[in-house]
Amino acid sequence: MMKANPIFDQDCQQCKRLDDFLRSVKQQYPTYHARPVAPFGDPDANLLIVGLAPGMHGANASGRPFTGDYAGLLLYETLYEFGFSNCPNSEHLADGLVLTGCRITNAVKCLPPQNKPLPSEITLCNTYLSAELNALPEQAVIVALGTIAHQAVLKAYQLKSSAAKFQHNAQHDLPGSRHLVDSYHTSRYNIQTKRLTKPMFHAVFESVSRLLIGS
């Protein structure tokens, strides 16, 4: 019987550019995680949130997605307000945070230089995202934070990028009776320029809640 692909490999070194970069970051910041960052949350989740990649002083430092950086502030606060988390803040691995019915992952598991992964790196890491998506229950909901995450989800399902256009709070049907909901990324830039506001992000989770209730 063929062994299923793993959803994560802590020792992955497929992308030489990223591996070399992480080694240099580890030398500069010895206390940082500076390795591939594992998905975090409920292993039996019906909701999967897909980000782009770990941030230099956030997930790359802490070892947990969206933890310790600005991009996680609105995300974890919203998860708490919608009942997916026991705490509105995610500060470090020992803070007692628990997600229920929700898991967070990234399209690329390693910190890329300038926060910009190459297309080849997204493709290589897509094997893990594909395995994670295929392991979701039927009628699960996937939230893509940003265009690259959206496109990575489509790639993982072997769908063309034209199969679903990215638009904030847009909803798309996926194989396995699953659903994709788009959102602008919770980055500092998007929030400070008001491209993404708290009511806009809450609207995404209201859509998510309706889809989960309908399932």
N, C-alpha and C. Protein backbone atom coordinates (compact mmCIF):
# COMPACT_ATOMS: atom_id res chain seq x y z
N MET A 1 0.85 -1.19 0.00
CA MET A 1 0.00 0.00 0.00
C MET A 1 0.89 1.25 0.00
N MET A 2 0.59 2.20 -0.89
CA MET A 2 1.41 3.40 -1.00
C MET A 2 1.23 4.29 0.24
N LYS A 3 2.33 4.74 0.78
CA LYS A 3 2.29 5.60 1.96
C LYS A 3 1.80 6.99 1.58
N ALA A 4 0.87 7.52 2.37
CA ALA A 4 0.33 8.86 2.09
C ALA A 4 1.39 9.92 2.35
N ASN A 5 1.34 10.98 1.59
CA ASN A 5 2.27 12.08 1.81
C ASN A 5 1.99 12.74 3.15
N PRO A 6 3.03 13.14 3.87
CA PRO A 6 2.83 13.81 5.16
C PRO A 6 2.35 15.24 4.95
N ILE A 7 1.69 15.80 5.96
CA ILE A 7 1.26 17.20 5.85
C ILE A 7 2.37 18.14 6.29
N PHE A 8 3.46 17.58 6.87
CA PHE A 8 4.54 18.43 7.35
C PHE A 8 5.79 17.60 7.58
N ASP A 9 6.95 18.21 7.33
CA ASP A 9 8.23 17.56 7.59
C ASP A 9 9.15 18.59 8.24
N GLN A 10 9.40 18.41 9.52
CA GLN A 10 10.24 19.35 10.27
C GLN A 10 11.66 19.44 9.71
N ASP A 11 12.10 18.38 9.04
CA ASP A 11 13.48 18.35 8.54
C ASP A 11 13.58 18.60 7.04
N CYS A 12 12.51 19.12 6.46
CA CYS A 12 12.50 19.36 5.01
C CYS A 12 13.60 20.36 4.62
N GLN A 13 14.36 20.00 3.57
CA GLN A 13 15.40 20.88 3.04
C GLN A 13 15.33 20.93 1.51
N GLN A 14 14.11 20.77 0.98
CA GLN A 14 13.95 20.69 -0.47
C GLN A 14 14.36 21.97 -1.19
N CYS A 15 14.11 23.10 -0.56
CA CYS A 15 14.39 24.39 -1.19
C CYS A 15 15.73 24.93 -0.66
N LYS A 16 16.77 24.82 -1.46
CA LYS A 16 18.11 25.19 -0.98
C LYS A 16 18.18 26.66 -0.57
N ARG A 17 17.54 27.53 -1.35
CA ARG A 17 17.57 28.95 -1.02
C ARG A 17 16.97 29.22 0.35
N LEU A 18 15.84 28.57 0.64
CA LEU A 18 15.19 28.77 1.93
C LEU A 18 15.99 28.13 3.06
N ASP A 19 16.53 26.95 2.81
CA ASP A 19 17.33 26.28 3.84
C ASP A 19 18.58 27.10 4.17
N ASP A 20 19.23 27.62 3.16
CA ASP A 20 20.42 28.46 3.40
C ASP A 20 20.04 29.72 4.16
N PHE A 21 18.89 30.29 3.81
CA PHE A 21 18.45 31.52 4.47
C PHE A 21 18.14 31.25 5.94
N LEU A 22 17.46 30.14 6.23
CA LEU A 22 17.15 29.81 7.62
C LEU A 22 18.41 29.59 8.44
N ARG A 23 19.41 29.00 7.83
CA ARG A 23 20.68 28.78 8.54
C ARG A 23 21.33 30.13 8.90
N SER A 24 21.26 31.07 7.98
CA SER A 24 21.84 32.38 8.26
C SER A 24 21.04 33.13 9.32
N VAL A 25 19.71 32.98 9.28
CA VAL A 25 18.85 33.61 10.29
C VAL A 25 19.15 33.02 11.67
N LYS A 26 19.35 31.72 11.72
CA LYS A 26 19.64 31.05 13.00
C LYS A 26 20.96 31.55 13.59
N GLN A 27 21.91 31.83 12.74
CA GLN A 27 23.19 32.38 13.22
C GLN A 27 23.00 33.79 13.78
N GLN A 28 22.15 34.56 13.13
CA GLN A 28 21.91 35.94 13.56
C GLN A 28 21.02 36.00 14.79
N TYR A 29 20.03 35.06 14.87
CA TYR A 29 19.09 35.01 15.99
C TYR A 29 19.07 33.59 16.55
N PRO A 30 20.03 33.25 17.39
CA PRO A 30 20.17 31.87 17.88
C PRO A 30 18.94 31.33 18.63
N THR A 31 18.14 32.21 19.21
CA THR A 31 16.98 31.74 19.98
C THR A 31 15.75 31.51 19.10
N TYR A 32 15.82 31.90 17.83
CA TYR A 32 14.67 31.74 16.94
C TYR A 32 14.47 30.29 16.53
N HIS A 33 13.24 29.94 16.23
CA HIS A 33 12.91 28.61 15.72
C HIS A 33 13.67 28.36 14.42
N ALA A 34 13.52 29.24 13.45
CA ALA A 34 14.29 29.23 12.19
C ALA A 34 14.34 27.85 11.53
N ARG A 35 13.20 27.21 11.46
CA ARG A 35 13.05 25.93 10.78
C ARG A 35 11.66 25.93 10.15
N PRO A 36 11.30 24.90 9.39
CA PRO A 36 9.92 24.84 8.90
C PRO A 36 8.94 24.93 10.07
N VAL A 37 7.85 25.67 9.86
CA VAL A 37 6.87 25.89 10.92
C VAL A 37 5.67 24.98 10.70
N ALA A 38 5.37 24.17 11.70
CA ALA A 38 4.30 23.18 11.59
C ALA A 38 2.92 23.83 11.65
N PRO A 39 1.92 23.20 11.03
CA PRO A 39 0.53 23.65 11.21
C PRO A 39 0.19 23.61 12.70
N PHE A 40 -0.75 24.45 13.12
CA PHE A 40 -1.12 24.55 14.52
C PHE A 40 -2.62 24.50 14.68
N GLY A 41 -3.08 23.70 15.64
CA GLY A 41 -4.50 23.69 15.97
C GLY A 41 -5.08 22.30 16.07
N ASP A 42 -6.38 22.23 15.90
CA ASP A 42 -7.15 21.00 16.05
C ASP A 42 -6.86 20.03 14.89
N PRO A 43 -6.37 18.82 15.18
CA PRO A 43 -6.08 17.87 14.09
C PRO A 43 -7.34 17.41 13.35
N ASP A 44 -8.51 17.55 13.99
CA ASP A 44 -9.76 17.15 13.36
C ASP A 44 -10.60 18.35 12.94
N ALA A 45 -9.94 19.45 12.64
CA ALA A 45 -10.63 20.70 12.35
C ALA A 45 -11.50 20.63 11.10
N ASN A 46 -12.61 21.36 11.14
CA ASN A 46 -13.44 21.56 9.96
C ASN A 46 -13.11 22.88 9.28
N LEU A 47 -12.27 23.69 9.92
CA LEU A 47 -11.85 24.97 9.37
C LEU A 47 -10.32 25.01 9.30
N LEU A 48 -9.81 25.27 8.10
CA LEU A 48 -8.37 25.39 7.91
C LEU A 48 -8.07 26.79 7.37
N ILE A 49 -7.21 27.51 8.05
CA ILE A 49 -6.80 28.84 7.61
C ILE A 49 -5.42 28.72 6.98
N VAL A 50 -5.29 29.22 5.76
CA VAL A 50 -4.03 29.11 5.02
C VAL A 50 -3.43 30.50 4.84
N GLY A 51 -2.25 30.70 5.41
CA GLY A 51 -1.51 31.93 5.22
C GLY A 51 -0.46 31.77 4.14
N LEU A 52 0.41 32.75 4.03
CA LEU A 52 1.45 32.70 2.99
C LEU A 52 2.68 31.94 3.48
N ALA A 53 3.37 32.50 4.48
CA ALA A 53 4.63 31.92 4.97
C ALA A 53 4.92 32.51 6.35
N PRO A 54 5.80 31.88 7.12
CA PRO A 54 6.15 32.44 8.43
C PRO A 54 6.79 33.82 8.30
N GLY A 55 6.52 34.69 9.27
CA GLY A 55 7.15 36.01 9.31
C GLY A 55 8.47 35.94 10.07
N MET A 56 9.40 36.80 9.72
CA MET A 56 10.74 36.78 10.31
C MET A 56 10.71 36.78 11.84
N HIS A 57 10.02 37.75 12.43
CA HIS A 57 10.03 37.89 13.89
C HIS A 57 8.74 37.37 14.52
N GLY A 58 7.94 36.67 13.74
CA GLY A 58 6.71 36.06 14.24
C GLY A 58 6.84 34.56 14.30
N ALA A 59 6.21 33.86 13.35
CA ALA A 59 6.24 32.40 13.35
C ALA A 59 7.65 31.84 13.22
N ASN A 60 8.50 32.50 12.45
CA ASN A 60 9.87 32.03 12.31
C ASN A 60 10.62 32.08 13.63
N ALA A 61 10.24 33.03 14.49
CA ALA A 61 10.88 33.14 15.80
C ALA A 61 10.23 32.20 16.82
N SER A 62 8.90 32.17 16.82
CA SER A 62 8.16 31.43 17.85
C SER A 62 7.96 29.96 17.53
N GLY A 63 7.88 29.62 16.23
CA GLY A 63 7.61 28.25 15.85
C GLY A 63 6.13 27.94 15.72
N ARG A 64 5.27 28.95 15.79
CA ARG A 64 3.83 28.75 15.66
C ARG A 64 3.28 29.77 14.64
N PRO A 65 2.42 29.34 13.72
CA PRO A 65 1.89 30.27 12.71
C PRO A 65 1.24 31.51 13.33
N PHE A 66 1.58 32.67 12.78
CA PHE A 66 0.97 33.94 13.16
C PHE A 66 1.13 34.27 14.65
N THR A 67 2.21 33.81 15.24
CA THR A 67 2.43 34.03 16.66
C THR A 67 3.64 34.93 16.89
N GLY A 68 3.39 36.05 17.59
CA GLY A 68 4.47 36.97 17.90
C GLY A 68 4.64 38.09 16.90
N ASP A 69 3.72 38.19 15.91
CA ASP A 69 3.83 39.30 14.98
C ASP A 69 2.47 39.98 14.76
N TYR A 70 2.50 41.10 14.10
CA TYR A 70 1.31 41.92 13.92
C TYR A 70 0.20 41.18 13.19
N ALA A 71 0.57 40.37 12.21
CA ALA A 71 -0.43 39.68 11.39
C ALA A 71 -1.31 38.75 12.19
N GLY A 72 -0.84 38.33 13.36
CA GLY A 72 -1.63 37.42 14.17
C GLY A 72 -2.63 38.10 15.10
N LEU A 73 -2.50 39.42 15.28
CA LEU A 73 -3.35 40.11 16.25
C LEU A 73 -4.82 39.99 15.91
N LEU A 74 -5.20 40.42 14.72
CA LEU A 74 -6.61 40.37 14.31
C LEU A 74 -7.06 38.93 14.10
N LEU A 75 -6.18 38.09 13.59
CA LEU A 75 -6.55 36.70 13.33
C LEU A 75 -6.95 35.98 14.61
N TYR A 76 -6.09 36.00 15.62
CA TYR A 76 -6.39 35.26 16.85
C TYR A 76 -7.51 35.91 17.65
N GLU A 77 -7.60 37.22 17.60
CA GLU A 77 -8.71 37.90 18.27
C GLU A 77 -10.04 37.46 17.66
N THR A 78 -10.08 37.35 16.34
CA THR A 78 -11.29 36.94 15.64
C THR A 78 -11.62 35.48 15.92
N LEU A 79 -10.61 34.63 15.92
CA LEU A 79 -10.85 33.21 16.23
C LEU A 79 -11.46 33.07 17.62
N TYR A 80 -11.00 33.86 18.56
CA TYR A 80 -11.54 33.84 19.92
C TYR A 80 -12.99 34.31 19.92
N GLU A 81 -13.26 35.40 19.23
CA GLU A 81 -14.61 35.97 19.23
C GLU A 81 -15.62 35.05 18.54
N PHE A 82 -15.15 34.22 17.61
CA PHE A 82 -16.06 33.32 16.91
C PHE A 82 -16.03 31.90 17.48
N GLY A 83 -15.39 31.72 18.64
CA GLY A 83 -15.46 30.46 19.36
C GLY A 83 -14.49 29.38 18.92
N PHE A 84 -13.46 29.74 18.16
CA PHE A 84 -12.49 28.75 17.70
C PHE A 84 -11.25 28.68 18.60
N SER A 85 -11.14 29.60 19.56
CA SER A 85 -9.95 29.68 20.40
C SER A 85 -10.32 29.97 21.85
N ASN A 86 -9.47 29.54 22.76
CA ASN A 86 -9.71 29.80 24.18
C ASN A 86 -9.04 31.08 24.65
N CYS A 87 -8.38 31.80 23.73
CA CYS A 87 -7.64 33.00 24.10
C CYS A 87 -7.57 33.96 22.91
N PRO A 88 -7.68 35.27 23.12
CA PRO A 88 -7.65 36.21 22.00
C PRO A 88 -6.24 36.57 21.53
N ASN A 89 -5.22 36.08 22.23
CA ASN A 89 -3.84 36.42 21.88
C ASN A 89 -3.00 35.17 21.70
N SER A 90 -2.03 35.25 20.80
CA SER A 90 -1.08 34.16 20.60
C SER A 90 0.32 34.75 20.71
N GLU A 91 0.98 34.46 21.84
CA GLU A 91 2.24 35.12 22.14
C GLU A 91 3.46 34.21 22.06
N HIS A 92 3.33 32.96 22.55
CA HIS A 92 4.46 32.03 22.51
C HIS A 92 3.92 30.61 22.72
N LEU A 93 4.77 29.62 22.51
CA LEU A 93 4.33 28.23 22.52
C LEU A 93 3.79 27.76 23.86
N ALA A 94 4.18 28.42 24.95
CA ALA A 94 3.75 27.98 26.28
C ALA A 94 2.64 28.85 26.85
N ASP A 95 1.89 29.55 25.98
CA ASP A 95 0.86 30.47 26.49
C ASP A 95 -0.49 29.81 26.76
N GLY A 96 -0.59 28.50 26.51
CA GLY A 96 -1.83 27.79 26.81
C GLY A 96 -2.92 27.91 25.76
N LEU A 97 -2.60 28.52 24.63
CA LEU A 97 -3.60 28.71 23.57
C LEU A 97 -4.01 27.37 22.97
N VAL A 98 -5.31 27.18 22.81
CA VAL A 98 -5.86 25.96 22.20
C VAL A 98 -6.89 26.37 21.16
N LEU A 99 -6.79 25.81 19.97
CA LEU A 99 -7.79 26.03 18.93
C LEU A 99 -8.72 24.83 18.88
N THR A 100 -10.01 25.10 18.72
CA THR A 100 -11.02 24.04 18.65
C THR A 100 -11.76 24.16 17.32
N GLY A 101 -11.74 23.08 16.54
CA GLY A 101 -12.42 23.08 15.26
C GLY A 101 -11.70 23.87 14.19
N CYS A 102 -10.49 24.30 14.47
CA CYS A 102 -9.74 25.16 13.55
C CYS A 102 -8.26 24.80 13.58
N ARG A 103 -7.63 24.91 12.42
CA ARG A 103 -6.18 24.72 12.32
C ARG A 103 -5.63 25.80 11.39
N ILE A 104 -4.39 26.22 11.65
CA ILE A 104 -3.74 27.25 10.84
C ILE A 104 -2.49 26.66 10.20
N THR A 105 -2.31 26.93 8.93
CA THR A 105 -1.14 26.44 8.21
C THR A 105 -0.66 27.54 7.26
N ASN A 106 0.40 27.26 6.52
CA ASN A 106 0.91 28.21 5.54
C ASN A 106 1.15 27.51 4.21
N ALA A 107 1.02 28.29 3.13
CA ALA A 107 1.30 27.74 1.80
C ALA A 107 2.76 27.34 1.68
N VAL A 108 3.65 28.12 2.32
CA VAL A 108 5.08 27.82 2.37
C VAL A 108 5.47 27.76 3.84
N LYS A 109 6.09 26.66 4.24
CA LYS A 109 6.33 26.42 5.66
C LYS A 109 7.59 27.08 6.20
N CYS A 110 8.45 27.61 5.31
CA CYS A 110 9.70 28.24 5.75
C CYS A 110 9.70 29.73 5.44
N LEU A 111 10.39 30.47 6.27
CA LEU A 111 10.56 31.91 6.06
C LEU A 111 11.32 32.16 4.76
N PRO A 112 10.74 32.94 3.82
CA PRO A 112 11.48 33.29 2.60
C PRO A 112 12.13 34.67 2.72
N PRO A 113 13.22 34.91 2.04
CA PRO A 113 13.81 36.25 2.03
C PRO A 113 12.82 37.29 1.54
N GLN A 114 12.78 38.43 2.21
CA GLN A 114 11.86 39.52 1.88
C GLN A 114 10.39 39.08 1.88
N ASN A 115 10.11 37.99 2.58
CA ASN A 115 8.73 37.46 2.65
C ASN A 115 8.16 37.12 1.28
N LYS A 116 9.04 36.78 0.34
CA LYS A 116 8.59 36.49 -1.02
C LYS A 116 9.13 35.13 -1.48
N PRO A 117 8.33 34.08 -1.36
CA PRO A 117 8.76 32.78 -1.86
C PRO A 117 8.76 32.76 -3.39
N LEU A 118 9.66 31.99 -3.97
CA LEU A 118 9.69 31.82 -5.42
C LEU A 118 8.58 30.86 -5.84
N PRO A 119 8.11 30.97 -7.08
CA PRO A 119 7.08 30.03 -7.56
C PRO A 119 7.50 28.57 -7.39
N SER A 120 8.77 28.28 -7.62
CA SER A 120 9.25 26.90 -7.48
C SER A 120 9.16 26.43 -6.03
N GLU A 121 9.37 27.35 -5.09
CA GLU A 121 9.28 26.99 -3.67
C GLU A 121 7.84 26.76 -3.26
N ILE A 122 6.94 27.56 -3.79
CA ILE A 122 5.51 27.36 -3.52
C ILE A 122 5.07 26.00 -4.06
N THR A 123 5.57 25.65 -5.24
CA THR A 123 5.21 24.37 -5.86
C THR A 123 5.73 23.19 -5.06
N LEU A 124 6.99 23.27 -4.61
CA LEU A 124 7.55 22.18 -3.83
C LEU A 124 6.81 21.99 -2.51
N CYS A 125 6.48 23.08 -1.85
CA CYS A 125 5.80 23.01 -0.56
C CYS A 125 4.33 22.64 -0.73
N ASN A 126 3.82 22.75 -1.94
CA ASN A 126 2.41 22.47 -2.19
C ASN A 126 2.07 21.00 -1.94
N THR A 127 3.08 20.15 -1.97
CA THR A 127 2.86 18.73 -1.66
C THR A 127 2.29 18.56 -0.25
N TYR A 128 2.83 19.33 0.68
CA TYR A 128 2.37 19.26 2.07
C TYR A 128 0.97 19.86 2.21
N LEU A 129 0.73 20.98 1.55
CA LEU A 129 -0.59 21.60 1.62
C LEU A 129 -1.64 20.68 1.00
N SER A 130 -1.29 20.04 -0.11
CA SER A 130 -2.22 19.12 -0.76
C SER A 130 -2.60 17.97 0.16
N ALA A 131 -1.60 17.42 0.86
CA ALA A 131 -1.87 16.32 1.79
C ALA A 131 -2.76 16.79 2.93
N GLU A 132 -2.52 18.01 3.41
CA GLU A 132 -3.32 18.55 4.51
C GLU A 132 -4.77 18.80 4.08
N LEU A 133 -4.94 19.33 2.88
CA LEU A 133 -6.29 19.58 2.38
C LEU A 133 -7.05 18.28 2.15
N ASN A 134 -6.35 17.29 1.61
CA ASN A 134 -7.00 16.00 1.34
C ASN A 134 -7.41 15.28 2.62
N ALA A 135 -6.76 15.62 3.73
CA ALA A 135 -7.08 14.99 5.01
C ALA A 135 -8.26 15.66 5.71
N LEU A 136 -8.70 16.79 5.20
CA LEU A 136 -9.83 17.48 5.82
C LEU A 136 -11.12 16.69 5.62
N PRO A 137 -12.05 16.80 6.55
CA PRO A 137 -13.34 16.14 6.37
C PRO A 137 -14.13 16.77 5.22
N GLU A 138 -15.06 16.04 4.69
CA GLU A 138 -15.92 16.60 3.66
C GLU A 138 -16.69 17.79 4.23
N GLN A 139 -16.95 18.77 3.39
CA GLN A 139 -17.67 19.98 3.74
C GLN A 139 -16.87 20.90 4.67
N ALA A 140 -15.57 20.66 4.76
CA ALA A 140 -14.71 21.56 5.53
C ALA A 140 -14.62 22.90 4.82
N VAL A 141 -14.24 23.91 5.57
CA VAL A 141 -14.09 25.27 5.03
C VAL A 141 -12.62 25.67 5.12
N ILE A 142 -12.11 26.25 4.03
CA ILE A 142 -10.74 26.72 3.96
C ILE A 142 -10.76 28.23 3.77
N VAL A 143 -10.05 28.95 4.61
CA VAL A 143 -9.92 30.40 4.46
C VAL A 143 -8.52 30.69 3.93
N ALA A 144 -8.45 31.33 2.78
CA ALA A 144 -7.17 31.70 2.19
C ALA A 144 -6.89 33.17 2.50
N LEU A 145 -5.79 33.43 3.19
CA LEU A 145 -5.40 34.80 3.51
C LEU A 145 -4.48 35.33 2.43
N GLY A 146 -5.04 36.01 1.45
CA GLY A 146 -4.27 36.59 0.39
C GLY A 146 -4.28 35.77 -0.89
N THR A 147 -3.85 36.42 -1.96
CA THR A 147 -3.91 35.81 -3.29
C THR A 147 -3.01 34.59 -3.42
N ILE A 148 -1.80 34.65 -2.87
CA ILE A 148 -0.87 33.52 -3.01
C ILE A 148 -1.41 32.29 -2.30
N ALA A 149 -1.97 32.47 -1.11
CA ALA A 149 -2.58 31.34 -0.40
C ALA A 149 -3.76 30.78 -1.20
N HIS A 150 -4.56 31.68 -1.76
CA HIS A 150 -5.70 31.28 -2.60
C HIS A 150 -5.22 30.42 -3.77
N GLN A 151 -4.19 30.90 -4.46
CA GLN A 151 -3.68 30.16 -5.61
C GLN A 151 -3.04 28.84 -5.21
N ALA A 152 -2.41 28.82 -4.03
CA ALA A 152 -1.80 27.57 -3.55
C ALA A 152 -2.87 26.52 -3.26
N VAL A 153 -4.01 26.94 -2.73
CA VAL A 153 -5.10 26.01 -2.49
C VAL A 153 -5.61 25.43 -3.80
N LEU A 154 -5.80 26.28 -4.79
CA LEU A 154 -6.24 25.80 -6.11
C LEU A 154 -5.23 24.82 -6.69
N LYS A 155 -3.94 25.16 -6.59
CA LYS A 155 -2.89 24.28 -7.09
C LYS A 155 -2.93 22.92 -6.40
N ALA A 156 -3.16 22.95 -5.08
CA ALA A 156 -3.20 21.70 -4.32
C ALA A 156 -4.35 20.79 -4.78
N TYR A 157 -5.41 21.41 -5.28
CA TYR A 157 -6.54 20.64 -5.82
C TYR A 157 -6.42 20.42 -7.32
N GLN A 158 -5.26 20.78 -7.88
CA GLN A 158 -4.99 20.63 -9.31
C GLN A 158 -6.03 21.39 -10.15
N LEU A 159 -6.42 22.55 -9.66
CA LEU A 159 -7.34 23.42 -10.37
C LEU A 159 -6.56 24.57 -11.00
N LYS A 160 -7.02 25.05 -12.14
CA LYS A 160 -6.39 26.21 -12.77
C LYS A 160 -6.68 27.46 -11.96
N SER A 161 -5.78 28.42 -12.04
CA SER A 161 -5.97 29.67 -11.30
C SER A 161 -7.24 30.39 -11.75
N SER A 162 -7.66 30.14 -12.98
CA SER A 162 -8.88 30.77 -13.50
C SER A 162 -10.15 30.11 -12.98
N ALA A 163 -10.01 29.00 -12.26
CA ALA A 163 -11.19 28.29 -11.77
C ALA A 163 -11.92 29.06 -10.68
N ALA A 164 -11.22 29.94 -9.99
CA ALA A 164 -11.83 30.74 -8.92
C ALA A 164 -11.03 32.02 -8.75
N LYS A 165 -11.66 33.14 -8.93
CA LYS A 165 -10.99 34.43 -8.83
C LYS A 165 -10.94 34.90 -7.37
N PHE A 166 -9.76 35.34 -6.94
CA PHE A 166 -9.63 35.86 -5.57
C PHE A 166 -10.39 37.16 -5.42
N GLN A 167 -11.19 37.22 -4.37
CA GLN A 167 -11.90 38.44 -4.01
C GLN A 167 -12.27 38.34 -2.54
N HIS A 168 -12.10 39.42 -1.81
CA HIS A 168 -12.37 39.37 -0.37
C HIS A 168 -13.79 38.89 -0.09
N ASN A 169 -13.88 37.88 0.77
CA ASN A 169 -15.13 37.26 1.21
C ASN A 169 -15.86 36.52 0.09
N ALA A 170 -15.16 36.26 -1.01
CA ALA A 170 -15.75 35.41 -2.05
C ALA A 170 -15.74 33.96 -1.59
N GLN A 171 -16.74 33.19 -2.02
CA GLN A 171 -16.86 31.79 -1.65
C GLN A 171 -16.82 30.92 -2.90
N HIS A 172 -16.04 29.85 -2.83
CA HIS A 172 -15.87 28.96 -3.97
C HIS A 172 -16.04 27.52 -3.53
N ASP A 173 -16.65 26.72 -4.37
CA ASP A 173 -16.81 25.29 -4.10
C ASP A 173 -15.55 24.55 -4.55
N LEU A 174 -15.15 23.58 -3.74
CA LEU A 174 -13.98 22.77 -4.02
C LEU A 174 -14.35 21.28 -4.04
N PRO A 175 -13.47 20.44 -4.58
CA PRO A 175 -13.73 18.99 -4.54
C PRO A 175 -13.95 18.49 -3.11
N GLY A 176 -14.70 17.42 -2.98
CA GLY A 176 -14.98 16.86 -1.66
C GLY A 176 -16.01 17.65 -0.89
N SER A 177 -16.83 18.42 -1.60
CA SER A 177 -17.86 19.25 -0.96
C SER A 177 -17.27 20.25 0.02
N ARG A 178 -16.03 20.62 -0.21
CA ARG A 178 -15.38 21.62 0.65
C ARG A 178 -15.59 23.01 0.06
N HIS A 179 -15.30 24.02 0.88
CA HIS A 179 -15.53 25.39 0.47
C HIS A 179 -14.28 26.23 0.72
N LEU A 180 -14.00 27.15 -0.19
CA LEU A 180 -12.91 28.10 -0.04
C LEU A 180 -13.49 29.49 0.13
N VAL A 181 -13.04 30.19 1.18
CA VAL A 181 -13.45 31.58 1.42
C VAL A 181 -12.19 32.43 1.41
N ASP A 182 -12.21 33.49 0.61
CA ASP A 182 -11.05 34.37 0.48
C ASP A 182 -11.10 35.53 1.46
N SER A 183 -9.91 35.95 1.88
CA SER A 183 -9.80 37.16 2.70
C SER A 183 -8.49 37.86 2.39
N TYR A 184 -8.52 39.18 2.46
CA TYR A 184 -7.25 39.89 2.43
C TYR A 184 -6.42 39.43 3.63
N HIS A 185 -5.11 39.43 3.45
CA HIS A 185 -4.21 38.99 4.51
C HIS A 185 -4.27 39.98 5.68
N THR A 186 -4.06 39.44 6.88
CA THR A 186 -4.11 40.28 8.09
C THR A 186 -2.77 40.97 8.35
N SER A 187 -2.09 41.35 7.32
CA SER A 187 -0.78 42.00 7.44
C SER A 187 -0.91 43.41 8.02
N ARG A 188 0.19 43.88 8.57
CA ARG A 188 0.22 45.25 9.11
C ARG A 188 -0.16 46.26 8.02
N TYR A 189 0.39 46.08 6.82
CA TYR A 189 0.11 47.02 5.73
C TYR A 189 -1.38 47.07 5.40
N ASN A 190 -2.00 45.90 5.25
CA ASN A 190 -3.43 45.87 4.89
C ASN A 190 -4.31 46.50 5.96
N ILE A 191 -3.95 46.27 7.22
CA ILE A 191 -4.77 46.80 8.31
C ILE A 191 -4.55 48.31 8.49
N GLN A 192 -3.30 48.74 8.42
CA GLN A 192 -3.03 50.16 8.62
C GLN A 192 -3.54 51.02 7.47
N THR A 193 -3.60 50.46 6.27
CA THR A 193 -4.15 51.19 5.12
C THR A 193 -5.66 51.01 5.01
N LYS A 194 -6.22 50.20 5.93
CA LYS A 194 -7.66 49.92 5.96
C LYS A 194 -8.15 49.17 4.73
N ARG A 195 -7.23 48.52 4.05
CA ARG A 195 -7.67 47.60 3.00
C ARG A 195 -8.46 46.46 3.64
N LEU A 196 -8.03 46.10 4.86
CA LEU A 196 -8.76 45.11 5.65
C LEU A 196 -9.08 45.72 7.00
N THR A 197 -10.36 45.76 7.34
CA THR A 197 -10.80 46.26 8.64
C THR A 197 -11.36 45.10 9.47
N LYS A 198 -11.54 45.36 10.75
CA LYS A 198 -12.10 44.32 11.61
C LYS A 198 -13.49 43.89 11.15
N PRO A 199 -14.40 44.81 10.81
CA PRO A 199 -15.71 44.37 10.30
C PRO A 199 -15.59 43.54 9.02
N MET A 200 -14.65 43.88 8.14
CA MET A 200 -14.46 43.11 6.91
C MET A 200 -13.99 41.69 7.23
N PHE A 201 -13.09 41.58 8.19
CA PHE A 201 -12.58 40.25 8.55
C PHE A 201 -13.65 39.44 9.27
N HIS A 202 -14.43 40.11 10.11
CA HIS A 202 -15.54 39.42 10.77
C HIS A 202 -16.56 38.92 9.76
N ALA A 203 -16.76 39.68 8.68
CA ALA A 203 -17.70 39.25 7.65
C ALA A 203 -17.26 37.93 7.03
N VAL A 204 -15.94 37.74 6.89
CA VAL A 204 -15.42 36.48 6.38
C VAL A 204 -15.80 35.33 7.32
N PHE A 205 -15.64 35.56 8.61
CA PHE A 205 -15.94 34.49 9.56
C PHE A 205 -17.44 34.29 9.75
N GLU A 206 -18.22 35.28 9.46
CA GLU A 206 -19.67 35.08 9.43
C GLU A 206 -20.03 34.16 8.26
N SER A 207 -19.36 34.34 7.13
CA SER A 207 -19.55 33.44 5.98
C SER A 207 -19.11 32.02 6.35
N VAL A 208 -17.96 31.92 7.02
CA VAL A 208 -17.43 30.61 7.46
C VAL A 208 -18.45 29.93 8.37
N SER A 209 -18.97 30.67 9.34
CA SER A 209 -19.92 30.10 10.29
C SER A 209 -21.16 29.58 9.58
N ARG A 210 -21.68 30.32 8.61
CA ARG A 210 -22.84 29.87 7.86
C ARG A 210 -22.56 28.58 7.09
N LEU A 211 -21.38 28.53 6.49
CA LEU A 211 -21.02 27.34 5.72
C LEU A 211 -20.86 26.12 6.64
N LEU A 212 -20.26 26.31 7.81
CA LEU A 212 -20.09 25.20 8.74
C LEU A 212 -21.41 24.74 9.30
N ILE A 213 -22.32 25.67 9.58
CA ILE A 213 -23.65 25.29 10.08
C ILE A 213 -24.42 24.53 8.99
N GLY A 214 -24.25 24.99 7.75
CA GLY A 214 -24.94 24.35 6.63
C GLY A 214 -24.44 22.94 6.34
N SER A 215 -23.21 22.66 6.78
CA SER A 215 -22.65 21.32 6.53
C SER A 215 -23.20 20.30 7.51
